[in-house]
Amino acid sequence: MGHLSTHVLDTAHGCPAAGMQVSLQRLEGAAWVTLRELTLNHDGRAEGPLLDAASMAAGRYRLLFAVAPYFRGRGVQLPDPPFIDTVQLDFGMADAQGHYHVPLLVSPWSYSTYRGS
Protein backbone atom coordinates (compact mmCIF):
# COMPACT_ATOMS: atom_id res chain seq x y z
CA MET A 1 0.00 0.00 0.00
CA GLY A 2 1.49 3.27 -1.11
CA HIS A 3 1.55 6.53 0.75
CA LEU A 4 3.44 9.82 0.97
CA SER A 5 4.83 11.28 4.20
CA THR A 6 7.23 13.96 5.38
CA HIS A 7 9.18 14.83 8.52
CA VAL A 8 10.94 18.14 9.18
CA LEU A 9 13.77 18.61 11.65
CA ASP A 10 14.96 22.05 12.75
CA THR A 11 18.75 21.62 12.75
CA ALA A 12 19.35 25.09 14.22
CA HIS A 13 17.50 24.19 17.44
CA GLY A 14 17.95 20.41 17.33
CA CYS A 15 14.24 19.60 17.40
CA PRO A 16 11.24 18.76 15.20
CA ALA A 17 9.85 21.72 13.25
CA ALA A 18 6.53 21.78 15.10
CA GLY A 19 4.12 24.33 13.68
CA MET A 20 5.75 24.70 10.26
CA GLN A 21 3.28 25.25 7.42
CA VAL A 22 3.51 22.88 4.45
CA SER A 23 1.69 22.70 1.12
CA LEU A 24 1.50 19.67 -1.17
CA GLN A 25 0.92 20.22 -4.88
CA ARG A 26 0.62 17.99 -7.95
CA LEU A 27 1.37 18.99 -11.53
CA GLU A 28 -1.80 18.64 -13.59
CA GLY A 29 -1.17 19.59 -17.21
CA ALA A 30 0.83 22.81 -17.01
CA ALA A 31 -0.53 23.94 -13.62
CA TRP A 32 0.39 23.14 -10.04
CA VAL A 33 -2.73 22.21 -8.06
CA THR A 34 -2.71 22.39 -4.25
CA LEU A 35 -3.83 19.09 -2.73
CA ARG A 36 -3.24 19.88 0.95
CA GLU A 37 -2.14 22.64 3.26
CA LEU A 38 -1.19 21.64 6.76
CA THR A 39 0.67 22.46 9.95
CA LEU A 40 3.26 20.01 11.22
CA ASN A 41 2.57 18.46 14.63
CA HIS A 42 4.77 18.39 17.75
CA ASP A 43 6.99 15.75 16.10
CA GLY A 44 7.48 17.76 12.87
CA ARG A 45 5.15 15.44 10.94
CA ALA A 46 1.77 15.63 9.26
CA GLU A 47 -1.09 13.98 11.09
CA GLY A 48 -1.42 10.86 8.94
CA PRO A 49 -0.03 10.48 5.42
CA LEU A 50 0.11 13.42 3.02
CA LEU A 51 -1.42 11.07 0.47
CA ASP A 52 -2.99 7.76 1.44
CA ALA A 53 -3.14 4.65 -0.76
CA ALA A 54 -6.44 5.70 -2.34
CA SER A 55 -5.04 9.13 -3.31
CA MET A 56 -1.67 7.98 -4.63
CA ALA A 57 -0.99 8.49 -8.33
CA ALA A 58 2.19 8.48 -10.35
CA GLY A 59 3.24 11.99 -11.32
CA ARG A 60 5.17 15.11 -10.41
CA TYR A 61 4.69 16.61 -6.97
CA ARG A 62 5.89 19.63 -5.01
CA LEU A 63 6.23 20.25 -1.29
CA LEU A 64 6.46 23.86 -0.11
CA PHE A 65 7.87 24.35 3.37
CA ALA A 66 7.35 27.82 4.96
CA VAL A 67 10.81 28.04 6.53
CA ALA A 68 11.23 31.78 7.24
CA PRO A 69 7.83 32.17 8.96
CA TYR A 70 8.63 29.13 11.10
CA PHE A 71 12.00 30.50 12.25
CA ARG A 72 10.60 34.01 12.81
CA GLY A 73 7.93 32.38 14.97
CA ARG A 74 10.73 30.84 17.02
CA GLY A 75 12.23 34.29 17.57
CA VAL A 76 15.09 34.01 15.08
CA GLN A 77 16.09 37.41 13.68
CA LEU A 78 16.20 36.99 9.89
CA PRO A 79 17.26 39.56 7.31
CA ASP A 80 14.71 40.96 4.86
CA PRO A 81 14.58 39.16 2.56
CA PRO A 82 15.59 35.98 4.39
CA PHE A 83 18.29 33.76 2.92
CA ILE A 84 15.81 30.84 2.84
CA ASP A 85 12.14 31.77 2.72
CA THR A 86 10.27 28.80 1.28
CA VAL A 87 11.90 25.47 0.50
CA GLN A 88 10.38 24.09 -2.69
CA LEU A 89 10.98 20.40 -3.28
CA ASP A 90 9.91 19.02 -6.65
CA PHE A 91 9.92 15.25 -6.89
CA GLY A 92 8.41 12.45 -8.92
CA MET A 93 6.49 9.39 -7.88
CA ALA A 94 6.70 6.63 -10.49
CA ASP A 95 5.05 3.90 -8.42
CA ALA A 96 1.58 4.64 -7.03
CA GLN A 97 1.94 1.57 -4.80
CA GLY A 98 5.24 2.75 -3.33
CA HIS A 99 6.03 4.39 -0.03
CA TYR A 100 7.55 7.85 -0.50
CA HIS A 101 8.97 9.61 2.52
CA VAL A 102 10.42 13.11 2.00
CA PRO A 103 12.35 14.31 5.07
CA LEU A 104 13.70 17.85 5.35
CA LEU A 105 16.55 18.98 7.59
CA VAL A 106 16.49 22.77 7.76
CA SER A 107 18.01 25.85 9.39
CA PRO A 108 17.70 29.52 8.40
CA TRP A 109 20.85 29.08 6.27
CA SER A 110 20.73 25.56 4.82
CA TYR A 111 18.61 22.54 4.06
CA SER A 112 18.94 18.98 2.83
CA THR A 113 16.54 16.27 1.80
CA TYR A 114 16.56 12.70 0.54
CA ARG A 115 14.17 9.88 -0.17
CA GLY A 116 13.61 8.34 3.22
CA SER A 117 12.25 4.98 4.18
C-alpha atoms as a PDB file:
ATOM      1  CA  MET A   1       0.000   0.000   0.000  1.00  0.00           C
ATOM      2  CA  GLY A   2       1.492   3.273  -1.110  1.00  0.00           C
ATOM      3  CA  HIS A   3       1.547   6.533   0.748  1.00  0.00           C
ATOM      4  CA  LEU A   4       3.438   9.818   0.971  1.00  0.00           C
ATOM      5  CA  SER A   5       4.827  11.276   4.199  1.00  0.00           C
ATOM      6  CA  THR A   6       7.235  13.960   5.376  1.00  0.00           C
ATOM      7  CA  HIS A   7       9.183  14.826   8.517  1.00  0.00           C
ATOM      8  CA  VAL A   8      10.943  18.141   9.177  1.00  0.00           C
ATOM      9  CA  LEU A   9      13.771  18.610  11.654  1.00  0.00           C
ATOM     10  CA  ASP A  10      14.962  22.047  12.751  1.00  0.00           C
ATOM     11  CA  THR A  11      18.753  21.621  12.754  1.00  0.00           C
ATOM     12  CA  ALA A  12      19.346  25.094  14.224  1.00  0.00           C
ATOM     13  CA  HIS A  13      17.505  24.194  17.441  1.00  0.00           C
ATOM     14  CA  GLY A  14      17.951  20.406  17.331  1.00  0.00           C
ATOM     15  CA  CYS A  15      14.243  19.596  17.403  1.00  0.00           C
ATOM     16  CA  PRO A  16      11.239  18.757  15.197  1.00  0.00           C
ATOM     17  CA  ALA A  17       9.851  21.724  13.246  1.00  0.00           C
ATOM     18  CA  ALA A  18       6.532  21.775  15.103  1.00  0.00           C
ATOM     19  CA  GLY A  19       4.121  24.328  13.684  1.00  0.00           C
ATOM     20  CA  MET A  20       5.748  24.702  10.256  1.00  0.00           C
ATOM     21  CA  GLN A  21       3.277  25.252   7.423  1.00  0.00           C
ATOM     22  CA  VAL A  22       3.515  22.877   4.449  1.00  0.00           C
ATOM     23  CA  SER A  23       1.689  22.701   1.123  1.00  0.00           C
ATOM     24  CA  LEU A  24       1.496  19.674  -1.166  1.00  0.00           C
ATOM     25  CA  GLN A  25       0.916  20.224  -4.876  1.00  0.00           C
ATOM     26  CA  ARG A  26       0.615  17.993  -7.954  1.00  0.00           C
ATOM     27  CA  LEU A  27       1.367  18.994 -11.532  1.00  0.00           C
ATOM     28  CA  GLU A  28      -1.796  18.638 -13.590  1.00  0.00           C
ATOM     29  CA  GLY A  29      -1.171  19.586 -17.206  1.00  0.00           C
ATOM     30  CA  ALA A  30       0.832  22.806 -17.011  1.00  0.00           C
ATOM     31  CA  ALA A  31      -0.534  23.942 -13.618  1.00  0.00           C
ATOM     32  CA  TRP A  32       0.387  23.136 -10.036  1.00  0.00           C
ATOM     33  CA  VAL A  33      -2.735  22.215  -8.059  1.00  0.00           C
ATOM     34  CA  THR A  34      -2.708  22.386  -4.246  1.00  0.00           C
ATOM     35  CA  LEU A  35      -3.829  19.090  -2.733  1.00  0.00           C
ATOM     36  CA  ARG A  36      -3.241  19.878   0.946  1.00  0.00           C
ATOM     37  CA  GLU A  37      -2.135  22.643   3.255  1.00  0.00           C
ATOM     38  CA  LEU A  38      -1.189  21.637   6.760  1.00  0.00           C
ATOM     39  CA  THR A  39       0.671  22.465   9.947  1.00  0.00           C
ATOM     40  CA  LEU A  40       3.260  20.006  11.220  1.00  0.00           C
ATOM     41  CA  ASN A  41       2.568  18.462  14.627  1.00  0.00           C
ATOM     42  CA  HIS A  42       4.772  18.387  17.755  1.00  0.00           C
ATOM     43  CA  ASP A  43       6.987  15.748  16.101  1.00  0.00           C
ATOM     44  CA  GLY A  44       7.482  17.755  12.868  1.00  0.00           C
ATOM     45  CA  ARG A  45       5.150  15.442  10.944  1.00  0.00           C
ATOM     46  CA  ALA A  46       1.773  15.632   9.257  1.00  0.00           C
ATOM     47  CA  GLU A  47      -1.086  13.976  11.094  1.00  0.00           C
ATOM     48  CA  GLY A  48      -1.419  10.864   8.939  1.00  0.00           C
ATOM     49  CA  PRO A  49      -0.030  10.482   5.424  1.00  0.00           C
ATOM     50  CA  LEU A  50       0.115  13.418   3.020  1.00  0.00           C
ATOM     51  CA  LEU A  51      -1.424  11.066   0.472  1.00  0.00           C
ATOM     52  CA  ASP A  52      -2.988   7.759   1.439  1.00  0.00           C
ATOM     53  CA  ALA A  53      -3.135   4.647  -0.757  1.00  0.00           C
ATOM     54  CA  ALA A  54      -6.437   5.701  -2.339  1.00  0.00           C
ATOM     55  CA  SER A  55      -5.043   9.132  -3.315  1.00  0.00           C
ATOM     56  CA  MET A  56      -1.672   7.975  -4.631  1.00  0.00           C
ATOM     57  CA  ALA A  57      -0.987   8.488  -8.332  1.00  0.00           C
ATOM     58  CA  ALA A  58       2.193   8.478 -10.354  1.00  0.00           C
ATOM     59  CA  GLY A  59       3.238  11.989 -11.320  1.00  0.00           C
ATOM     60  CA  ARG A  60       5.171  15.112 -10.410  1.00  0.00           C
ATOM     61  CA  TYR A  61       4.691  16.614  -6.973  1.00  0.00           C
ATOM     62  CA  ARG A  62       5.894  19.627  -5.006  1.00  0.00           C
ATOM     63  CA  LEU A  63       6.228  20.245  -1.285  1.00  0.00           C
ATOM     64  CA  LEU A  64       6.462  23.856  -0.112  1.00  0.00           C
ATOM     65  CA  PHE A  65       7.867  24.347   3.373  1.00  0.00           C
ATOM     66  CA  ALA A  66       7.351  27.819   4.958  1.00  0.00           C
ATOM     67  CA  VAL A  67      10.810  28.042   6.529  1.00  0.00           C
ATOM     68  CA  ALA A  68      11.229  31.780   7.237  1.00  0.00           C
ATOM     69  CA  PRO A  69       7.832  32.173   8.963  1.00  0.00           C
ATOM     70  CA  TYR A  70       8.628  29.128  11.097  1.00  0.00           C
ATOM     71  CA  PHE A  71      11.997  30.504  12.252  1.00  0.00           C
ATOM     72  CA  ARG A  72      10.598  34.011  12.807  1.00  0.00           C
ATOM     73  CA  GLY A  73       7.925  32.383  14.966  1.00  0.00           C
ATOM     74  CA  ARG A  74      10.729  30.838  17.015  1.00  0.00           C
ATOM     75  CA  GLY A  75      12.230  34.292  17.570  1.00  0.00           C
ATOM     76  CA  VAL A  76      15.090  34.008  15.081  1.00  0.00           C
ATOM     77  CA  GLN A  77      16.092  37.408  13.676  1.00  0.00           C
ATOM     78  CA  LEU A  78      16.199  36.988   9.893  1.00  0.00           C
ATOM     79  CA  PRO A  79      17.255  39.565   7.306  1.00  0.00           C
ATOM     80  CA  ASP A  80      14.714  40.959   4.865  1.00  0.00           C
ATOM     81  CA  PRO A  81      14.578  39.156   2.560  1.00  0.00           C
ATOM     82  CA  PRO A  82      15.592  35.979   4.395  1.00  0.00           C
ATOM     83  CA  PHE A  83      18.285  33.764   2.918  1.00  0.00           C
ATOM     84  CA  ILE A  84      15.812  30.840   2.845  1.00  0.00           C
ATOM     85  CA  ASP A  85      12.145  31.771   2.716  1.00  0.00           C
ATOM     86  CA  THR A  86      10.266  28.799   1.279  1.00  0.00           C
ATOM     87  CA  VAL A  87      11.903  25.474   0.505  1.00  0.00           C
ATOM     88  CA  GLN A  88      10.376  24.091  -2.687  1.00  0.00           C
ATOM     89  CA  LEU A  89      10.983  20.396  -3.277  1.00  0.00           C
ATOM     90  CA  ASP A  90       9.914  19.017  -6.645  1.00  0.00           C
ATOM     91  CA  PHE A  91       9.919  15.246  -6.894  1.00  0.00           C
ATOM     92  CA  GLY A  92       8.409  12.454  -8.924  1.00  0.00           C
ATOM     93  CA  MET A  93       6.487   9.386  -7.880  1.00  0.00           C
ATOM     94  CA  ALA A  94       6.699   6.633 -10.491  1.00  0.00           C
ATOM     95  CA  ASP A  95       5.048   3.896  -8.416  1.00  0.00           C
ATOM     96  CA  ALA A  96       1.582   4.644  -7.032  1.00  0.00           C
ATOM     97  CA  GLN A  97       1.941   1.568  -4.801  1.00  0.00           C
ATOM     98  CA  GLY A  98       5.245   2.751  -3.328  1.00  0.00           C
ATOM     99  CA  HIS A  99       6.028   4.391  -0.025  1.00  0.00           C
ATOM    100  CA  TYR A 100       7.552   7.848  -0.502  1.00  0.00           C
ATOM    101  CA  HIS A 101       8.972   9.611   2.525  1.00  0.00           C
ATOM    102  CA  VAL A 102      10.419  13.107   2.003  1.00  0.00           C
ATOM    103  CA  PRO A 103      12.347  14.309   5.065  1.00  0.00           C
ATOM    104  CA  LEU A 104      13.701  17.849   5.347  1.00  0.00           C
ATOM    105  CA  LEU A 105      16.551  18.981   7.588  1.00  0.00           C
ATOM    106  CA  VAL A 106      16.492  22.771   7.764  1.00  0.00           C
ATOM    107  CA  SER A 107      18.009  25.850   9.389  1.00  0.00           C
ATOM    108  CA  PRO A 108      17.699  29.520   8.396  1.00  0.00           C
ATOM    109  CA  TRP A 109      20.851  29.078   6.271  1.00  0.00           C
ATOM    110  CA  SER A 110      20.732  25.557   4.823  1.00  0.00           C
ATOM    111  CA  TYR A 111      18.609  22.536   4.056  1.00  0.00           C
ATOM    112  CA  SER A 112      18.937  18.977   2.830  1.00  0.00           C
ATOM    113  CA  THR A 113      16.540  16.271   1.796  1.00  0.00           C
ATOM    114  CA  TYR A 114      16.565  12.702   0.541  1.00  0.00           C
ATOM    115  CA  ARG A 115      14.168   9.879  -0.173  1.00  0.00           C
ATOM    116  CA  GLY A 116      13.614   8.340   3.222  1.00  0.00           C
ATOM    117  CA  SER A 117      12.251   4.976   4.180  1.00  0.00           C
END
